[in-house]
């Protein structure tokens, strides 16, 4: 249940684009065609699914204060957290290089259409943000880190796919000249972000129901306690 909740939360509620506005440069530049958006979105999913759990392992067994205790007691006091950015970016750059080699080998047309934005995934703030959010939110297990990485990648994929589909259709619309291009794209992105905010009710609604259940049970318990006290008082009077 925890994996499912984290998965859907990372896609809809904590969406990289619509909630935190990370990865906007690639989101705006490569969203003119659905085909290129799908290719870049798939690459982002792959990179996040690999780098977030790898960086979780680095954080747990190397970077956190006391993480080196598995080497011996003399290393328990070491704190390498200042290396987090360097280690995370190195892992991301390695995975991006692997993706670039694979795409160039098996889909040269997609490689040419993505252009400079494929290697720029290495400095995409959404990719680094996934690892940093994983670290700051103290995700407990490797499985949850993998779930969070895949969910965050799918969320970014859905965002760029949606805006690419809209931008392809909007070419045939009568958009005011002053808003053509990035202007109308920013407006549509803002409207979609407002729409994605409504998914927050997926969690708050459940919390409210849980609070109502707890309140109801408390009231029932108080009533039962009062009835028990009244019965005990009546019993004492009868005995007297």
Protein backbone atom coordinates (compact mmCIF):
# COMPACT_ATOMS: atom_id res chain seq x y z
CA UNK A 1 0.00 0.00 0.00
CA UNK A 2 2.87 2.35 0.81
CA UNK A 3 4.41 1.77 -2.63
CA UNK A 4 1.10 2.50 -4.40
CA UNK A 5 0.53 5.69 -2.41
CA UNK A 6 4.06 6.96 -3.08
CA UNK A 7 3.79 6.02 -6.78
CA UNK A 8 0.59 7.97 -7.44
CA UNK A 9 1.65 10.83 -5.19
CA UNK A 10 4.89 11.32 -7.13
CA UNK A 11 2.97 11.31 -10.43
CA UNK A 12 -0.02 13.53 -9.69
CA UNK A 13 0.47 15.43 -6.42
CA UNK A 14 4.24 16.06 -6.38
CA UNK A 15 4.58 16.24 -10.16
CA UNK A 16 8.05 17.49 -11.12
CA UNK A 17 6.71 20.02 -13.64
CA UNK A 18 3.35 21.12 -12.27
CA UNK A 19 4.14 21.06 -8.53
CA UNK A 20 7.82 22.06 -8.35
CA UNK A 21 8.40 23.43 -11.91
CA UNK A 22 11.61 21.44 -12.38
CA UNK A 23 12.94 20.50 -15.81
CA UNK A 24 11.17 23.41 -17.50
CA UNK A 25 13.90 24.08 -20.07
CA UNK A 26 13.59 20.66 -21.71
CA UNK A 27 9.83 20.68 -21.12
CA UNK A 28 9.43 23.85 -23.18
CA UNK A 29 12.06 23.18 -25.84
CA UNK A 30 11.27 19.57 -26.79
CA UNK A 31 7.47 19.71 -26.54
CA UNK A 32 6.75 20.93 -30.08
CA UNK A 33 6.13 17.37 -31.36
CA UNK A 34 4.63 14.38 -29.60
CA UNK A 35 7.21 11.99 -31.08
CA UNK A 36 10.20 13.85 -29.63
CA UNK A 37 8.36 14.41 -26.34
CA UNK A 38 7.76 10.66 -26.00
CA UNK A 39 11.43 9.90 -26.68
CA UNK A 40 12.74 12.40 -24.16
CA UNK A 41 10.10 11.43 -21.60
CA UNK A 42 11.08 7.76 -21.88
CA UNK A 43 14.73 8.69 -21.40
CA UNK A 44 13.86 10.71 -18.28
CA UNK A 45 11.88 7.79 -16.84
CA UNK A 46 14.82 5.46 -17.40
CA UNK A 47 17.38 7.84 -15.88
CA UNK A 48 15.23 8.60 -12.81
CA UNK A 49 14.38 4.91 -12.30
CA UNK A 50 18.10 4.05 -12.22
CA UNK A 51 19.69 7.08 -10.55
CA UNK A 52 17.29 7.55 -7.62
CA UNK A 53 17.84 4.03 -6.16
CA UNK A 54 21.58 4.20 -6.93
CA UNK A 55 21.84 7.54 -5.15
CA UNK A 56 19.78 6.10 -2.28
CA UNK A 57 22.45 3.42 -1.85
CA UNK A 58 25.19 6.04 -1.97
CA UNK A 59 23.36 8.15 0.58
CA UNK A 60 22.70 5.26 2.97
CA UNK A 61 26.11 3.58 2.84
CA UNK A 62 28.49 6.43 2.04
CA UNK A 63 27.21 9.98 2.44
CA UNK A 64 25.08 10.15 5.59
CA UNK A 65 26.72 10.90 8.95
CA UNK A 66 27.85 7.57 10.33
CA UNK A 67 27.08 5.73 7.08
CA UNK A 68 30.62 4.32 6.97
CA UNK A 69 30.14 2.38 10.21
CA UNK A 70 29.91 -0.81 8.14
CA UNK A 71 33.65 -0.41 7.50
CA UNK A 72 34.43 -0.38 11.20
CA UNK A 73 33.82 1.58 14.38
CA UNK A 74 36.67 3.97 13.63
CA UNK A 75 34.75 5.23 10.56
CA UNK A 76 31.43 5.80 12.36
CA UNK A 77 32.17 9.48 13.01
CA UNK A 78 32.85 10.32 9.37
CA UNK A 79 30.40 12.65 7.61
CA UNK A 80 30.63 12.80 3.80
CA UNK A 81 27.32 14.56 3.20
CA UNK A 82 29.17 17.50 1.61
CA UNK A 83 29.87 15.20 -1.35
CA UNK A 84 26.16 14.62 -2.07
CA UNK A 85 25.90 16.93 -5.07
CA UNK A 86 29.11 15.67 -6.67
CA UNK A 87 28.23 11.99 -6.22
CA UNK A 88 24.63 12.42 -7.36
CA UNK A 89 25.60 14.35 -10.48
CA UNK A 90 28.33 11.83 -11.33
CA UNK A 91 25.79 8.98 -11.14
CA UNK A 92 23.30 10.92 -13.27
CA UNK A 93 25.91 11.82 -15.90
CA UNK A 94 26.95 8.17 -16.19
CA UNK A 95 23.37 7.00 -16.76
CA UNK A 96 22.68 9.80 -19.25
CA UNK A 97 25.77 8.83 -21.23
CA UNK A 98 24.47 5.26 -21.35
CA UNK A 99 21.06 6.45 -22.58
CA UNK A 100 22.70 8.63 -25.23
CA UNK A 101 24.73 5.68 -26.57
CA UNK A 102 21.66 3.42 -26.69
CA UNK A 103 19.43 5.99 -28.42
CA UNK A 104 22.11 6.85 -30.98
CA UNK A 105 22.62 3.15 -31.72
CA UNK A 106 18.99 2.03 -32.07
CA UNK A 107 17.13 5.23 -33.07
CA UNK A 108 19.34 7.72 -34.95
CA UNK A 109 16.30 9.76 -36.06
CA UNK A 110 15.18 10.28 -32.45
CA UNK A 111 18.77 11.07 -31.47
CA UNK A 112 18.96 13.78 -34.14
CA UNK A 113 15.55 15.24 -33.27
CA UNK A 114 16.38 15.49 -29.57
CA UNK A 115 19.69 17.16 -30.39
CA UNK A 116 21.52 18.83 -27.53
CA UNK A 117 18.68 18.20 -25.07
CA UNK A 118 19.47 14.49 -24.71
CA UNK A 119 22.93 14.98 -23.16
CA UNK A 120 21.51 17.95 -21.24
CA UNK A 121 19.42 15.50 -19.21
CA UNK A 122 22.55 15.24 -17.07
CA UNK A 123 21.99 18.83 -15.88
CA UNK A 124 18.20 18.63 -15.93
CA UNK A 125 17.10 19.92 -12.52
CA UNK A 126 14.21 17.40 -12.47
CA UNK A 127 16.72 14.52 -12.50
CA UNK A 128 18.83 15.95 -9.69
CA UNK A 129 15.68 17.06 -7.89
CA UNK A 130 14.44 13.47 -7.75
CA UNK A 131 17.57 12.36 -5.88
CA UNK A 132 17.58 15.39 -3.58
CA UNK A 133 13.88 14.96 -2.74
CA UNK A 134 14.56 11.30 -2.02
CA UNK A 135 17.30 12.36 0.38
CA UNK A 136 15.38 15.17 2.09
CA UNK A 137 12.20 13.12 2.52
CA UNK A 138 14.22 10.29 4.06
CA UNK A 139 12.74 7.50 1.96
CA UNK A 140 13.19 4.39 4.03
CA UNK A 141 13.95 1.52 1.65
CA UNK A 142 15.51 0.83 -1.73
CA UNK A 143 12.17 -0.39 -3.07
CA UNK A 144 10.44 2.86 -2.11
CA UNK A 145 13.28 4.84 -3.71
CA UNK A 146 12.81 2.88 -6.94
CA UNK A 147 9.05 3.47 -6.81
CA UNK A 148 9.61 7.18 -6.26
CA UNK A 149 12.08 7.40 -9.16
CA UNK A 150 9.76 5.60 -11.59
CA UNK A 151 6.73 7.63 -10.44
CA UNK A 152 8.57 10.95 -10.76
CA UNK A 153 9.75 10.01 -14.25
CA UNK A 154 6.23 9.04 -15.34
CA UNK A 155 4.91 12.31 -13.93
CA UNK A 156 7.42 14.30 -15.99
CA UNK A 157 6.62 12.14 -19.02
CA UNK A 158 2.88 12.81 -18.71
CA UNK A 159 3.52 16.55 -18.39
CA UNK A 160 5.66 16.86 -21.53
CA UNK A 161 3.38 14.50 -23.46
CA UNK A 162 0.29 16.54 -22.56
CA UNK A 163 1.82 19.90 -23.51
CA UNK A 164 3.23 18.45 -26.76
CA UNK A 165 -0.20 17.14 -27.79
CA UNK A 166 -1.78 20.51 -26.98
CA UNK A 167 0.91 22.46 -28.85
CA UNK A 168 0.44 20.32 -31.95
CA UNK A 169 -3.31 21.05 -31.94
CA UNK A 170 -2.95 24.71 -31.04
CA UNK A 171 -1.10 25.42 -34.27
CA UNK A 172 -4.47 25.37 -36.00
CA UNK A 173 -6.10 27.67 -33.44
CA UNK A 174 -6.49 31.41 -33.68
CA UNK A 175 -4.07 32.42 -30.94
CA UNK A 176 -3.48 36.17 -30.46
CA UNK A 177 -0.13 37.16 -32.01
CA UNK A 178 1.26 38.42 -28.71
CA UNK A 179 0.71 35.01 -27.08
CA UNK A 180 1.97 32.74 -29.83
CA UNK A 181 4.87 30.46 -28.95
CA UNK A 182 6.04 30.39 -25.36
CA UNK A 183 3.35 32.81 -24.16
CA UNK A 184 0.41 30.48 -24.70
CA UNK A 185 2.56 27.53 -23.57
CA UNK A 186 3.17 29.14 -20.19
CA UNK A 187 -0.54 29.89 -19.82
CA UNK A 188 -1.52 26.29 -20.63
CA UNK A 189 1.15 24.99 -18.26
CA UNK A 190 -0.24 27.14 -15.46
CA UNK A 191 -3.78 25.91 -16.11
CA UNK A 192 -2.63 22.28 -16.10
CA UNK A 193 -0.73 22.91 -12.85
CA UNK A 194 -3.96 24.20 -11.27
CA UNK A 195 -5.73 21.07 -12.52
CA UNK A 196 -3.08 18.81 -11.01
CA UNK A 197 -3.45 20.58 -7.66
CA UNK A 198 -6.92 19.04 -7.39
CA UNK A 199 -5.31 15.62 -7.04
CA UNK A 200 -4.18 16.71 -3.57
CA UNK A 201 -7.65 15.73 -2.40
CA UNK A 202 -6.66 12.10 -2.99
CA UNK A 203 -4.77 12.29 0.32
CA UNK A 204 -6.52 15.04 2.28
CA UNK A 205 -9.91 13.48 1.71
CA UNK A 206 -8.73 10.22 3.21
CA UNK A 207 -7.22 12.06 6.18
CA UNK A 208 -10.52 13.84 6.83
CA UNK A 209 -12.42 10.57 6.74
CA UNK A 210 -9.93 9.03 9.15
CA UNK A 211 -10.32 11.98 11.52
CA UNK A 212 -14.11 11.67 11.37
CA UNK A 213 -13.88 7.96 12.19
CA UNK A 214 -11.59 8.66 15.15
CA UNK A 215 -13.95 11.40 16.41
CA UNK A 216 -16.97 9.09 16.13
CA UNK A 217 -15.20 6.31 17.99
CA UNK A 218 -14.16 8.76 20.73
CA UNK A 219 -17.74 9.95 21.21
CA UNK A 220 -18.99 6.38 21.40
CA UNK A 221 -16.32 5.51 23.97
CA UNK A 222 -17.26 8.52 26.12
CA UNK A 223 -20.94 7.55 25.99
CA UNK A 224 -20.12 3.98 26.99
CA UNK A 225 -17.99 5.26 29.88
CA UNK A 226 -20.81 7.50 31.13
CA UNK A 227 -23.30 4.63 30.92
CA UNK A 228 -20.90 2.37 32.83
CA UNK A 229 -20.45 5.00 35.55
CA UNK A 230 -24.22 5.48 35.84
CA UNK A 231 -24.75 1.73 36.09
CA UNK A 232 -22.06 1.45 38.76
CA UNK A 233 -23.64 4.29 40.80
CA UNK A 234 -27.07 2.64 40.60
CA UNK A 235 -25.56 -0.67 41.70
CA UNK A 236 -23.88 0.96 44.72
CA UNK A 237 -27.16 2.64 45.74
CA UNK A 238 -29.05 -0.67 45.52
CA UNK A 239 -26.41 -2.39 47.67
CA UNK A 240 -26.59 0.39 50.28
